[in-house]
């Protein structure tokens, strides 16, 4: 399996495949994974912003794997833990209901939640953190799909390519397949799409109007695993925030803008209540 994953990493680059490593079926908890049970068809994920050590674990070495942001990588997406929690708080304040969230507090050098387990974990000490993250994310996606019939998963990341830009990652529409089938391409591209609504809220976004997603930011393991092209049936988007959106002094402002887009998106594409599911 390790050799197979190496081949896949070399061929697919950032487009990591889920392979045969489904999320854990048993729900497990860990103090280094912050979670919230929600009451909205909205799930927020942030796998790379944590800074804490995993007791007893040693940093991953990535021996035998392709190195770099698209393969084996241990760098943090600074500010994304705080941003994800700020978005969740702002959504709750706006909608008077809680979104679901799963946020890693552990450092990426110990466990990378946005990779298959064969790449994301080395050694037994970090495995419980990885399992807690994915068992909750899987549980929340299944709960939203069961209660509401559809939902939105936002996977929060950071990028260093363009400080003033937020890049979209959906495997060029694959992970929001059901969104497009239900509402047409306008739900994914253009002014009424989530990224169009982000743009309206004052964020610089890419891509626009059907352009291909930026190479390297097309969406990783999380959106590929839980997206609506698969069995979980949740429309999933990876948001790659530039540095100016993740700066400590900008966190609340960014969260307010993202929340504005979420609120408008919900009105257009998400059920108001379980009875509205289609």
Protein backbone atom coordinates (compact mmCIF):
# COMPACT_ATOMS: atom_id res chain seq x y z
CA UNK A 1 0.00 0.00 0.00
CA UNK A 2 2.84 2.41 0.79
CA UNK A 3 4.33 1.80 -2.66
CA UNK A 4 0.92 2.24 -4.30
CA UNK A 5 0.36 5.53 -2.51
CA UNK A 6 3.79 6.74 -3.62
CA UNK A 7 2.82 6.04 -7.23
CA UNK A 8 -0.49 7.84 -6.81
CA UNK A 9 1.21 10.84 -5.27
CA UNK A 10 3.67 11.01 -8.11
CA UNK A 11 0.96 10.78 -10.77
CA UNK A 12 -1.82 12.81 -9.23
CA UNK A 13 0.07 15.60 -7.44
CA UNK A 14 -2.42 17.60 -5.40
CA UNK A 15 -5.33 15.45 -6.60
CA UNK A 16 -4.84 12.82 -3.91
CA UNK A 17 -7.26 9.94 -4.22
CA UNK A 18 -9.17 8.40 -1.38
CA UNK A 19 -7.86 4.98 -2.43
CA UNK A 20 -9.18 2.26 -0.12
CA UNK A 21 -8.90 4.09 3.21
CA UNK A 22 -12.45 5.04 4.20
CA UNK A 23 -13.04 7.16 7.32
CA UNK A 24 -13.24 5.22 10.59
CA UNK A 25 -16.71 3.83 11.21
CA UNK A 26 -16.42 4.15 15.00
CA UNK A 27 -16.77 7.66 16.42
CA UNK A 28 -13.74 8.52 18.53
CA UNK A 29 -12.71 11.64 20.41
CA UNK A 30 -9.37 13.28 21.13
CA UNK A 31 -8.47 16.49 23.02
CA UNK A 32 -6.45 17.68 20.02
CA UNK A 33 -9.51 17.68 17.76
CA UNK A 34 -12.08 20.40 18.40
CA UNK A 35 -15.60 19.41 17.37
CA UNK A 36 -19.10 20.83 17.49
CA UNK A 37 -22.38 19.07 16.81
CA UNK A 38 -24.46 21.38 14.67
CA UNK A 39 -28.08 22.13 13.83
CA UNK A 40 -27.45 23.48 10.31
CA UNK A 41 -26.57 21.68 7.04
CA UNK A 42 -23.17 23.40 7.18
CA UNK A 43 -19.88 21.74 8.18
CA UNK A 44 -16.56 23.53 8.68
CA UNK A 45 -13.27 21.64 8.55
CA UNK A 46 -9.75 22.95 9.26
CA UNK A 47 -7.06 20.25 9.16
CA UNK A 48 -3.77 22.18 9.01
CA UNK A 49 -3.88 25.09 11.44
CA UNK A 50 -3.03 23.37 14.71
CA UNK A 51 0.21 24.01 16.60
CA UNK A 52 0.16 21.54 19.50
CA UNK A 53 2.41 18.52 19.96
CA UNK A 54 0.94 15.03 20.07
CA UNK A 55 2.17 13.44 23.32
CA UNK A 56 4.58 10.60 22.64
CA UNK A 57 4.53 11.04 18.85
CA UNK A 58 7.54 11.88 16.72
CA UNK A 59 7.35 14.11 13.64
CA UNK A 60 6.66 12.38 10.33
CA UNK A 61 9.61 11.94 8.00
CA UNK A 62 7.79 11.15 4.76
CA UNK A 63 10.35 8.54 3.80
CA UNK A 64 9.51 7.15 0.38
CA UNK A 65 6.97 9.84 -0.50
CA UNK A 66 7.09 12.75 -2.91
CA UNK A 67 7.91 15.92 -0.94
CA UNK A 68 6.24 19.32 -1.29
CA UNK A 69 2.84 20.94 -0.70
CA UNK A 70 1.16 18.64 -3.22
CA UNK A 71 2.54 15.50 -1.61
CA UNK A 72 4.24 14.98 1.75
CA UNK A 73 4.36 18.26 3.66
CA UNK A 74 4.47 19.25 7.33
CA UNK A 75 3.99 23.02 7.25
CA UNK A 76 1.12 24.67 9.11
CA UNK A 77 -1.59 26.75 7.49
CA UNK A 78 -1.15 29.48 10.08
CA UNK A 79 -4.30 31.20 11.27
CA UNK A 80 -6.74 28.67 9.82
CA UNK A 81 -7.62 27.07 13.16
CA UNK A 82 -8.61 30.48 14.50
CA UNK A 83 -10.36 31.45 11.26
CA UNK A 84 -12.47 28.29 11.14
CA UNK A 85 -13.63 28.79 14.73
CA UNK A 86 -14.35 32.47 14.05
CA UNK A 87 -16.46 31.54 11.02
CA UNK A 88 -18.41 29.02 13.10
CA UNK A 89 -19.04 31.65 15.77
CA UNK A 90 -20.12 34.25 13.21
CA UNK A 91 -22.46 31.79 11.46
CA UNK A 92 -24.10 30.94 14.77
CA UNK A 93 -24.57 34.64 15.56
CA UNK A 94 -26.11 35.31 12.14
CA UNK A 95 -28.33 32.25 11.81
CA UNK A 96 -29.07 31.62 15.50
CA UNK A 97 -28.06 28.00 15.02
CA UNK A 98 -24.79 26.11 15.16
CA UNK A 99 -22.82 24.79 12.21
CA UNK A 100 -20.90 21.56 12.63
CA UNK A 101 -17.14 21.83 12.81
CA UNK A 102 -14.03 19.65 13.05
CA UNK A 103 -10.78 21.53 13.68
CA UNK A 104 -7.31 20.05 14.23
CA UNK A 105 -5.35 21.48 17.16
CA UNK A 106 -2.37 19.16 16.60
CA UNK A 107 0.50 20.22 14.34
CA UNK A 108 0.53 18.86 10.81
CA UNK A 109 4.00 17.43 11.34
CA UNK A 110 2.39 14.68 13.45
CA UNK A 111 -0.77 14.00 11.43
CA UNK A 112 -2.02 15.35 8.12
CA UNK A 113 -5.81 15.00 8.00
CA UNK A 114 -5.95 16.03 4.33
CA UNK A 115 -4.11 12.92 3.16
CA UNK A 116 -4.97 9.21 3.11
CA UNK A 117 -3.91 7.63 6.38
CA UNK A 118 -0.94 5.89 4.69
CA UNK A 119 0.55 9.33 3.99
CA UNK A 120 -0.94 11.32 6.85
CA UNK A 121 0.19 9.22 9.82
CA UNK A 122 3.43 7.53 10.87
CA UNK A 123 3.39 5.52 14.09
CA UNK A 124 0.62 4.63 16.53
CA UNK A 125 0.67 7.71 18.77
CA UNK A 126 -0.75 10.10 16.15
CA UNK A 127 -3.28 7.68 14.68
CA UNK A 128 -5.97 8.41 17.34
CA UNK A 129 -5.87 12.11 16.38
CA UNK A 130 -6.37 11.28 12.71
CA UNK A 131 -9.16 8.82 13.51
CA UNK A 132 -10.95 11.30 15.77
CA UNK A 133 -10.85 13.93 13.03
CA UNK A 134 -12.20 11.73 10.28
CA UNK A 135 -14.68 9.77 12.37
CA UNK A 136 -16.33 13.05 13.40
CA UNK A 137 -16.24 14.50 9.91
CA UNK A 138 -17.79 11.34 8.47
CA UNK A 139 -20.39 11.25 11.25
CA UNK A 140 -21.36 14.88 10.69
CA UNK A 141 -21.61 14.47 6.92
CA UNK A 142 -23.83 11.43 7.34
CA UNK A 143 -26.00 13.28 9.87
CA UNK A 144 -26.46 16.27 7.57
CA UNK A 145 -27.24 14.05 4.59
CA UNK A 146 -29.76 12.04 6.61
CA UNK A 147 -31.55 15.02 8.14
CA UNK A 148 -31.35 17.59 5.34
CA UNK A 149 -30.66 15.59 2.20
CA UNK A 150 -27.82 17.90 1.21
CA UNK A 151 -25.31 20.24 2.81
CA UNK A 152 -22.17 22.32 2.45
CA UNK A 153 -18.71 21.32 3.68
CA UNK A 154 -16.14 24.13 3.76
CA UNK A 155 -12.54 22.93 4.18
CA UNK A 156 -10.38 25.84 5.41
CA UNK A 157 -6.75 26.05 4.25
CA UNK A 158 -4.01 28.62 3.76
CA UNK A 159 -1.82 29.29 0.74
CA UNK A 160 1.26 31.39 0.07
CA UNK A 161 0.86 31.97 -3.65
CA UNK A 162 -1.31 35.11 -3.53
CA UNK A 163 -1.79 36.93 -0.23
CA UNK A 164 -4.91 38.78 -1.42
CA UNK A 165 -6.75 35.82 -2.97
CA UNK A 166 -8.98 32.92 -1.91
CA UNK A 167 -8.70 29.93 -4.24
CA UNK A 168 -11.51 27.42 -4.73
CA UNK A 169 -10.85 23.68 -4.75
CA UNK A 170 -13.63 21.36 -5.95
CA UNK A 171 -11.72 19.17 -8.40
CA UNK A 172 -13.14 21.54 -11.02
CA UNK A 173 -16.71 20.89 -9.95
CA UNK A 174 -16.51 17.18 -9.17
CA UNK A 175 -16.97 17.54 -5.40
CA UNK A 176 -20.08 19.72 -5.89
CA UNK A 177 -21.62 17.44 -8.49
CA UNK A 178 -25.06 17.31 -6.86
CA UNK A 179 -25.17 21.09 -6.40
CA UNK A 180 -24.77 21.57 -10.14
CA UNK A 181 -27.28 18.83 -10.96
CA UNK A 182 -29.89 20.42 -8.70
CA UNK A 183 -29.39 24.09 -9.50
CA UNK A 184 -27.32 24.32 -12.66
CA UNK A 185 -23.87 25.72 -13.34
CA UNK A 186 -24.82 29.13 -11.89
CA UNK A 187 -24.61 27.53 -8.45
CA UNK A 188 -20.93 26.75 -9.02
CA UNK A 189 -19.73 29.55 -11.32
CA UNK A 190 -20.64 33.21 -11.57
CA UNK A 191 -22.16 35.80 -9.21
CA UNK A 192 -24.65 33.43 -7.57
CA UNK A 193 -22.06 30.78 -6.73
CA UNK A 194 -20.41 30.56 -3.32
CA UNK A 195 -17.25 32.17 -4.67
CA UNK A 196 -19.33 34.80 -6.45
CA UNK A 197 -20.97 35.58 -3.11
CA UNK A 198 -17.53 35.75 -1.47
CA UNK A 199 -16.51 38.23 -4.15
CA UNK A 200 -19.64 40.27 -3.47
CA UNK A 201 -18.73 40.30 0.25
CA UNK A 202 -15.40 41.95 -0.57
CA UNK A 203 -13.01 39.02 -1.07
CA UNK A 204 -10.79 38.52 -4.08
CA UNK A 205 -11.47 35.01 -5.36
CA UNK A 206 -10.38 32.61 -8.08
CA UNK A 207 -11.58 31.09 -10.36
CA UNK A 208 -14.34 33.06 -12.05
CA UNK A 209 -16.96 32.24 -14.69
CA UNK A 210 -16.01 28.67 -15.44
CA UNK A 211 -12.22 29.02 -15.49
CA UNK A 212 -10.19 26.03 -14.35
CA UNK A 213 -9.11 25.97 -10.72
CA UNK A 214 -5.56 26.94 -9.84
CA UNK A 215 -3.15 24.03 -10.17
CA UNK A 216 -2.18 22.80 -6.72
CA UNK A 217 -5.38 24.10 -5.13
CA UNK A 218 -8.00 21.94 -6.79
CA UNK A 219 -9.08 20.15 -3.62
CA UNK A 220 -7.44 17.40 -1.59
CA UNK A 221 -8.36 14.27 0.31
CA UNK A 222 -11.10 15.79 2.49
CA UNK A 223 -13.26 17.24 -0.27
CA UNK A 224 -12.54 14.22 -2.45
CA UNK A 225 -13.70 11.88 0.32
CA UNK A 226 -16.82 13.72 1.48
CA UNK A 227 -17.87 15.56 -1.70
CA UNK A 228 -21.24 15.01 -3.37
CA UNK A 229 -19.77 12.88 -6.16
CA UNK A 230 -19.40 10.10 -3.56
CA UNK A 231 -21.47 8.26 -1.02
CA UNK A 232 -21.53 11.06 1.58
CA UNK A 233 -23.42 13.33 -0.82
CA UNK A 234 -22.23 16.64 0.68
CA UNK A 235 -21.17 19.48 -1.61
CA UNK A 236 -17.57 20.12 -0.54
CA UNK A 237 -15.29 23.07 -1.27
CA UNK A 238 -11.68 23.65 -0.27
CA UNK A 239 -11.01 27.33 0.48
CA UNK A 240 -7.37 28.35 0.22
CA UNK A 241 -6.99 31.67 2.04
CA UNK A 242 -4.12 34.04 1.26
CA UNK A 243 -2.07 35.48 4.12
CA UNK A 244 -3.95 38.76 4.41
CA UNK A 245 -7.18 36.89 5.20
CA UNK A 246 -5.49 34.77 7.88
CA UNK A 247 -3.60 37.52 9.71
CA UNK A 248 -4.60 37.75 13.36
CA UNK A 249 -5.94 41.29 12.98
CA UNK A 250 -8.01 40.22 9.95
CA UNK A 251 -9.60 37.07 11.36
CA UNK A 252 -12.89 38.62 12.46
CA UNK A 253 -13.27 40.62 9.25
CA UNK A 254 -12.59 37.56 7.10
CA UNK A 255 -15.00 35.47 9.16
CA UNK A 256 -17.71 38.12 8.70
CA UNK A 257 -17.23 38.11 4.91
CA UNK A 258 -17.25 34.33 4.65
CA UNK A 259 -20.33 34.21 6.86
CA UNK A 260 -22.10 36.70 4.61
CA UNK A 261 -21.48 34.34 1.68
CA UNK A 262 -22.64 31.32 3.71
CA UNK A 263 -25.89 33.04 4.69
CA UNK A 264 -26.68 33.96 1.08
CA UNK A 265 -25.65 30.53 -0.16
CA UNK A 266 -27.96 28.90 2.37
CA UNK A 267 -30.92 30.94 1.14
CA UNK A 268 -30.26 29.88 -2.45
CA UNK A 269 -29.15 26.27 -2.16
CA UNK A 270 -29.64 24.73 1.29
CA UNK A 271 -32.87 23.58 2.97
CA UNK A 272 -34.18 25.82 5.72
CA UNK A 273 -35.39 22.82 7.69
CA UNK A 274 -35.41 19.01 7.47
CA UNK A 275 -38.89 19.11 5.89
CA UNK A 276 -37.47 21.06 2.94
CA UNK A 277 -34.96 18.40 1.91
CA UNK A 278 -35.06 17.17 -1.66
